[in-house]
Amino acid sequence: MALHRQTEQFLKRAATSGRPALESLEPVEARELYDEMAKLAAGKAPDMFATREIDGDGPLGSIPMRLYYPRDRGQELLPVLIYFHGGGFVVGSPDSHDAPCRILAKHSDCLVISVAYRMAPEYPAPIPIDDSWAAVQWIASHARDFGGDPDQLAVGGDSAGANIATLLCIRAREDGPSFRHQLLIYPCTDLTRSFDSHERLAEGYRLTQELVDYFMDHYFCGDLKQRSDPSVSPHSIDDLKELPSATLVSAEYDPLVDEIFAFESKLKDNGNLVNHLHYKGMIHGFINLGRFIDAAEDCLKTCGTELRQVFQKNTFRDH
């Protein structure tokens, strides 16, 4: 399938915007630009009953989090989706992913917690993962304090955040907490970038080879030998048994698309339930482009509805 018309129009608009490429900037500047662009591209997001800014405890200090309450819960404890934003482990924040989290909260009827984990290069691999692990441990221990049900936890994210989310599910098999579901939106699962789509889609589709190089160089501080380590690349892990059911999202024109299909096969071969939502004509990062691409909200609505079904009906469609 060709690029979707809306995707093509967005790419043309981005190419003529006059904004510098993220990879041409220092990380602090890149983060400011990324958040600015995300706000402009997000479109209108649903109102929440309430949002809160809190801090959890971690080994390196406090971990900021943003809580989204889709409705007045009264005395009811709501299920919790713990969300990790994308951005190549270098950029991104709860601000850049405010709209997606609002849409997910509305359609999942869950309390969504967006985690501002520490990022590279100030905190290289595996610190972002360890920081996120500390966050989920704190949330599981304190969920009741802010109206969350500690027995109804899910974890999710997009891109780098989805990488973190599935690695946390793997770690939680031994140490808990117990996750009911994992939402993996175009996850980077093989940081060696050995699949063909990295070459086939290296230019012209927003997540370019140069931008991925920029992210990986900062994440590993130039020591790229770490990329195949199972602690950072879930595709390198042989034993993926007994993981939570997964909603997996991919985009046709995403350099990560081949590794996502391979990870789906590996999850299923290990006996896990997976629903793979593949979006034809879409690019990496499309869920953040609700102002320009209708599929952004459609995808998030579908993901939220599926998560609601997991929590309310204890059912999951395996495709």
Protein backbone atom coordinates (compact mmCIF):
# COMPACT_ATOMS: atom_id res chain seq x y z
CA MET A 1 0.00 0.00 0.00
CA ALA A 2 1.16 3.55 -0.71
CA LEU A 3 1.55 6.10 2.04
CA HIS A 4 -1.81 7.19 3.37
CA ARG A 5 -2.83 10.56 1.90
CA GLN A 6 -2.83 12.22 5.33
CA THR A 7 0.59 10.77 6.14
CA GLU A 8 2.02 12.02 2.85
CA GLN A 9 0.63 15.49 3.46
CA PHE A 10 2.09 15.57 6.96
CA LEU A 11 5.55 14.56 5.73
CA LYS A 12 5.47 17.30 3.08
CA ARG A 13 4.44 19.84 5.73
CA ALA A 14 7.22 18.68 8.07
CA ALA A 15 9.82 18.90 5.30
CA THR A 16 9.00 22.56 4.66
CA SER A 17 8.52 23.66 8.29
CA GLY A 18 11.96 25.22 8.62
CA ARG A 19 12.55 23.54 11.97
CA PRO A 20 15.97 21.98 12.55
CA ALA A 21 16.35 18.21 12.61
CA LEU A 22 16.37 16.82 16.14
CA GLU A 23 19.68 15.07 15.51
CA SER A 24 21.31 18.45 14.75
CA LEU A 25 20.62 19.67 18.30
CA GLU A 26 22.01 19.04 21.73
CA PRO A 27 19.67 16.79 23.77
CA VAL A 28 18.30 19.62 25.94
CA GLU A 29 17.40 21.64 22.82
CA ALA A 30 16.03 18.55 21.08
CA ARG A 31 13.71 17.88 24.01
CA GLU A 32 12.31 21.40 23.90
CA LEU A 33 11.72 21.19 20.15
CA TYR A 34 10.17 17.72 20.37
CA ASP A 35 7.70 18.80 23.06
CA GLU A 36 6.84 21.92 21.04
CA MET A 37 6.22 19.90 17.87
CA ALA A 38 4.21 17.28 19.75
CA LYS A 39 1.91 19.94 21.20
CA LEU A 40 1.30 21.45 17.76
CA ALA A 41 0.63 18.06 16.15
CA ALA A 42 -1.54 16.54 18.88
CA GLY A 43 -4.88 18.04 18.01
CA LYS A 44 -7.72 18.34 20.50
CA ALA A 45 -7.63 15.83 23.35
CA PRO A 46 -10.52 14.92 25.65
CA ASP A 47 -10.99 16.66 28.96
CA MET A 48 -10.29 14.64 32.07
CA PHE A 49 -12.19 14.68 35.34
CA ALA A 50 -8.85 15.53 36.96
CA THR A 51 -5.09 15.34 36.49
CA ARG A 52 -2.44 15.31 39.20
CA GLU A 53 1.33 15.74 39.28
CA ILE A 54 3.05 13.48 41.80
CA ASP A 55 6.53 12.14 42.53
CA GLY A 56 7.48 8.55 43.20
CA ASP A 57 10.63 7.36 44.91
CA GLY A 58 13.56 5.89 43.00
CA PRO A 59 17.20 5.03 43.69
CA LEU A 60 18.36 8.20 41.92
CA GLY A 61 15.75 10.45 43.51
CA SER A 62 12.16 11.39 42.82
CA ILE A 63 10.43 10.28 39.61
CA PRO A 64 7.78 12.73 38.33
CA MET A 65 4.49 11.26 37.14
CA ARG A 66 1.25 12.65 35.75
CA LEU A 67 -2.04 11.01 36.71
CA TYR A 68 -5.13 11.11 34.48
CA TYR A 69 -8.57 10.45 35.97
CA PRO A 70 -11.14 9.87 33.20
CA ARG A 71 -14.15 10.27 35.52
CA ASP A 72 -15.23 10.78 39.10
CA ARG A 73 -14.38 7.43 40.65
CA GLY A 74 -16.16 8.05 43.96
CA GLN A 75 -14.86 5.33 46.29
CA GLU A 76 -14.08 2.96 43.43
CA LEU A 77 -10.50 1.90 42.77
CA LEU A 78 -9.76 2.23 39.06
CA PRO A 79 -7.53 -0.07 36.99
CA VAL A 80 -4.16 1.49 36.22
CA LEU A 81 -2.23 1.82 32.97
CA ILE A 82 1.39 2.80 33.64
CA TYR A 83 2.60 4.56 30.48
CA PHE A 84 6.15 5.22 29.25
CA HIS A 85 6.53 7.81 26.49
CA GLY A 86 8.58 7.34 23.35
CA GLY A 87 11.45 9.47 22.13
CA GLY A 88 14.48 7.24 21.59
CA PHE A 89 15.39 7.25 25.30
CA VAL A 90 16.58 10.86 24.75
CA VAL A 91 13.53 13.09 24.12
CA GLY A 92 9.86 12.99 25.10
CA SER A 93 7.96 13.68 28.29
CA PRO A 94 4.48 13.50 29.79
CA ASP A 95 3.88 16.82 28.00
CA SER A 96 4.71 15.39 24.57
CA HIS A 97 2.35 12.47 25.19
CA ASP A 98 -0.42 14.30 27.00
CA ALA A 99 -3.00 13.84 24.23
CA PRO A 100 -2.41 10.08 23.73
CA CYS A 101 -2.64 9.49 27.48
CA ARG A 102 -5.92 11.41 27.69
CA ILE A 103 -7.44 9.39 24.85
CA LEU A 104 -6.26 6.13 26.39
CA ALA A 105 -7.69 7.11 29.78
CA LYS A 106 -11.05 8.00 28.29
CA HIS A 107 -11.51 4.83 26.29
CA SER A 108 -9.95 2.39 28.76
CA ASP A 109 -11.80 3.85 31.78
CA CYS A 110 -8.46 3.50 33.56
CA LEU A 111 -6.34 5.74 35.67
CA VAL A 112 -3.34 6.44 33.40
CA ILE A 113 0.01 7.28 34.98
CA SER A 114 2.56 8.85 32.63
CA VAL A 115 6.10 8.39 33.95
CA ALA A 116 8.90 10.92 33.39
CA TYR A 117 11.75 8.44 33.58
CA ARG A 118 15.37 9.59 33.41
CA MET A 119 16.81 9.76 29.91
CA ALA A 120 20.11 9.60 28.04
CA PRO A 121 22.74 10.87 27.61
CA GLU A 122 22.73 12.14 31.19
CA TYR A 123 21.39 8.74 32.23
CA PRO A 124 22.47 6.13 29.63
CA ALA A 125 21.41 2.49 29.35
CA PRO A 126 20.22 0.77 31.42
CA ILE A 127 19.29 3.64 33.77
CA PRO A 128 16.02 4.58 31.97
CA ILE A 129 14.86 0.98 32.38
CA ASP A 130 15.94 0.78 36.02
CA ASP A 131 14.29 4.12 36.74
CA SER A 132 11.07 2.86 35.17
CA TRP A 133 11.29 -0.35 37.20
CA ALA A 134 11.52 1.74 40.37
CA ALA A 135 8.47 3.69 39.20
CA VAL A 136 6.28 0.61 38.73
CA GLN A 137 7.35 -0.78 42.10
CA TRP A 138 6.40 2.50 43.76
CA ILE A 139 3.08 2.68 41.90
CA ALA A 140 2.18 -0.89 42.85
CA SER A 141 2.89 -0.12 46.50
CA HIS A 142 1.03 3.21 46.56
CA ALA A 143 -1.78 2.67 44.05
CA ARG A 144 -4.56 2.83 46.64
CA ASP A 145 -3.27 6.20 47.85
CA PHE A 146 -4.35 7.85 44.60
CA GLY A 147 -7.36 5.69 43.74
CA GLY A 148 -5.71 2.91 41.72
CA ASP A 149 -6.34 -0.81 42.05
CA PRO A 150 -3.01 -2.60 42.71
CA ASP A 151 -4.55 -5.86 41.45
CA GLN A 152 -5.48 -4.31 38.10
CA LEU A 153 -2.24 -3.04 36.61
CA ALA A 154 -1.22 -2.78 32.97
CA VAL A 155 1.94 -1.35 31.46
CA GLY A 156 2.41 0.30 28.09
CA GLY A 157 4.23 2.79 25.95
CA ASP A 158 5.27 3.72 22.46
CA SER A 159 8.61 3.19 20.70
CA ALA A 160 11.35 3.46 23.36
CA GLY A 161 8.63 3.49 26.02
CA ALA A 162 7.19 0.24 24.65
CA ASN A 163 10.68 -1.27 24.79
CA ILE A 164 10.77 -0.34 28.46
CA ALA A 165 7.25 -1.64 29.07
CA THR A 166 7.88 -5.14 27.73
CA LEU A 167 11.25 -5.39 29.49
CA LEU A 168 9.47 -4.56 32.75
CA CYS A 169 6.95 -7.36 32.09
CA ILE A 170 9.83 -9.78 31.64
CA ARG A 171 11.50 -8.63 34.85
CA ALA A 172 8.19 -8.76 36.74
CA ARG A 173 7.87 -12.52 36.16
CA GLU A 174 10.35 -13.01 38.98
CA ASP A 175 9.82 -10.05 41.26
CA GLY A 176 6.32 -8.73 40.54
CA PRO A 177 4.17 -6.72 40.31
CA SER A 178 1.67 -8.73 38.31
CA PHE A 179 0.60 -7.00 35.09
CA ARG A 180 -2.68 -7.91 33.42
CA HIS A 181 -1.76 -6.56 29.99
CA GLN A 182 0.96 -4.82 28.01
CA LEU A 183 0.26 -2.16 25.37
CA LEU A 184 3.19 -2.00 22.95
CA ILE A 185 2.86 0.73 20.33
CA TYR A 186 5.55 0.31 17.64
CA PRO A 187 8.11 -1.02 20.16
CA CYS A 188 11.83 -1.08 19.42
CA THR A 189 12.64 -4.68 20.30
CA ASP A 190 15.97 -5.25 18.53
CA LEU A 191 18.37 -2.39 19.15
CA THR A 192 20.97 -3.98 16.84
CA ARG A 193 18.72 -2.83 13.94
CA SER A 194 19.44 -6.05 12.06
CA PHE A 195 16.06 -6.35 10.31
CA ASP A 196 15.67 -5.37 6.65
CA SER A 197 13.13 -2.60 7.26
CA HIS A 198 15.82 -0.45 8.89
CA GLU A 199 17.54 -0.25 5.50
CA ARG A 200 14.40 -0.32 3.37
CA LEU A 201 12.79 2.60 5.23
CA ALA A 202 15.93 4.44 6.32
CA GLU A 203 15.01 7.78 4.74
CA GLY A 204 11.89 9.81 4.14
CA TYR A 205 9.56 8.46 6.83
CA ARG A 206 10.32 10.69 9.84
CA LEU A 207 12.30 8.15 11.88
CA THR A 208 15.41 8.32 9.71
CA GLN A 209 18.63 6.37 10.03
CA GLU A 210 20.41 9.55 11.17
CA LEU A 211 17.87 10.14 13.93
CA VAL A 212 18.08 6.55 15.16
CA ASP A 213 21.89 6.83 15.14
CA TYR A 214 21.56 9.95 17.28
CA PHE A 215 19.33 8.21 19.79
CA MET A 216 21.45 5.06 19.99
CA ASP A 217 24.74 6.95 20.31
CA HIS A 218 23.34 8.88 23.28
CA TYR A 219 21.61 5.87 24.86
CA PHE A 220 24.78 3.77 24.81
CA CYS A 221 27.29 6.63 25.12
CA GLY A 222 28.98 5.39 21.97
CA ASP A 223 29.41 1.82 23.23
CA LEU A 224 27.13 0.14 20.70
CA LYS A 225 28.24 -3.36 21.71
CA GLN A 226 25.52 -3.19 24.38
CA ARG A 227 22.73 -3.12 21.78
CA SER A 228 22.25 -6.90 21.64
CA ASP A 229 22.21 -7.36 25.41
CA PRO A 230 18.92 -8.94 26.57
CA SER A 231 18.65 -6.28 29.26
CA VAL A 232 17.92 -3.69 26.55
CA SER A 233 16.80 -5.72 23.49
CA PRO A 234 13.82 -7.96 24.30
CA HIS A 235 14.10 -9.76 20.95
CA SER A 236 17.41 -11.20 22.23
CA ILE A 237 15.61 -12.98 25.08
CA ASP A 238 14.87 -16.65 24.34
CA ASP A 239 12.45 -17.26 27.21
CA LEU A 240 9.40 -15.07 26.75
CA LYS A 241 6.95 -17.46 28.38
CA GLU A 242 4.19 -16.45 30.81
CA LEU A 243 4.03 -12.79 29.89
CA PRO A 244 0.87 -10.67 30.06
CA SER A 245 -1.38 -10.56 27.02
CA ALA A 246 -0.24 -7.92 24.56
CA THR A 247 -1.73 -5.38 22.21
CA LEU A 248 0.94 -4.77 19.59
CA VAL A 249 0.78 -1.82 17.18
CA SER A 250 2.88 -1.42 14.03
CA ALA A 251 2.99 0.98 11.09
CA GLU A 252 3.74 -0.03 7.50
CA TYR A 253 6.31 2.71 6.84
CA ASP A 254 8.19 2.36 10.12
CA PRO A 255 11.83 1.21 10.11
CA LEU A 256 10.89 -0.96 13.12
CA VAL A 257 8.11 -2.83 11.32
CA ASP A 258 10.03 -6.04 10.56
CA GLU A 259 11.31 -6.45 14.11
CA ILE A 260 7.78 -5.88 15.44
CA PHE A 261 6.39 -8.72 13.32
CA ALA A 262 9.30 -10.90 14.44
CA PHE A 263 8.62 -10.07 18.09
CA GLU A 264 4.96 -10.93 17.63
CA SER A 265 5.96 -14.36 16.33
CA LYS A 266 8.34 -14.86 19.23
CA LEU A 267 5.70 -13.89 21.79
CA LYS A 268 3.18 -16.29 20.24
CA ASP A 269 5.73 -19.09 19.93
CA ASN A 270 6.25 -18.74 23.67
CA GLY A 271 2.53 -19.20 24.31
CA ASN A 272 1.48 -15.59 24.85
CA LEU A 273 -1.76 -13.96 23.67
CA VAL A 274 -1.16 -11.15 21.18
CA ASN A 275 -3.46 -8.88 19.17
CA HIS A 276 -1.42 -7.16 16.46
CA LEU A 277 -2.91 -3.95 15.03
CA HIS A 278 -1.01 -3.17 11.81
CA TYR A 279 -1.68 0.27 10.29
CA LYS A 280 -1.21 0.44 6.54
CA GLY A 281 0.15 3.66 5.11
CA MET A 282 1.27 4.94 8.53
CA ILE A 283 4.67 6.02 9.88
CA HIS A 284 6.46 5.70 13.20
CA GLY A 285 5.08 8.16 15.74
CA PHE A 286 1.67 8.51 14.14
CA ILE A 287 -0.26 8.34 17.44
CA ASN A 288 1.16 11.80 18.27
CA LEU A 289 -0.19 13.33 15.04
CA GLY A 290 -3.89 13.57 15.80
CA ARG A 291 -4.19 17.04 14.27
CA PHE A 292 -3.11 15.69 10.87
CA ILE A 293 -3.83 11.94 10.85
CA ASP A 294 -7.20 10.45 11.78
CA ALA A 295 -5.65 7.03 12.45
CA ALA A 296 -3.93 8.46 15.54
CA GLU A 297 -7.13 8.74 17.54
CA ASP A 298 -8.60 5.62 15.94
CA CYS A 299 -5.61 3.57 17.10
CA LEU A 300 -5.67 4.94 20.63
CA LYS A 301 -9.42 4.38 20.90
CA THR A 302 -8.97 0.76 19.83
CA CYS A 303 -6.12 0.23 22.29
CA GLY A 304 -8.09 1.82 25.11
CA THR A 305 -11.21 -0.21 24.36
CA GLU A 306 -9.19 -3.42 24.30
CA LEU A 307 -7.64 -2.58 27.65
CA ARG A 308 -11.09 -1.85 29.10
CA GLN A 309 -12.25 -5.30 27.96
CA VAL A 310 -9.26 -6.96 29.59
CA PHE A 311 -10.03 -5.34 32.93
CA GLN A 312 -13.85 -5.42 32.89
CA LYS A 313 -14.59 -8.70 31.15
CA ASN A 314 -11.39 -10.60 31.79
CA THR A 315 -11.30 -11.46 28.08
CA PHE A 316 -8.79 -10.86 25.33
CA ARG A 317 -8.94 -11.43 21.59
CA ASP A 318 -5.92 -13.29 20.27
CA HIS A 319 -5.46 -12.74 16.52
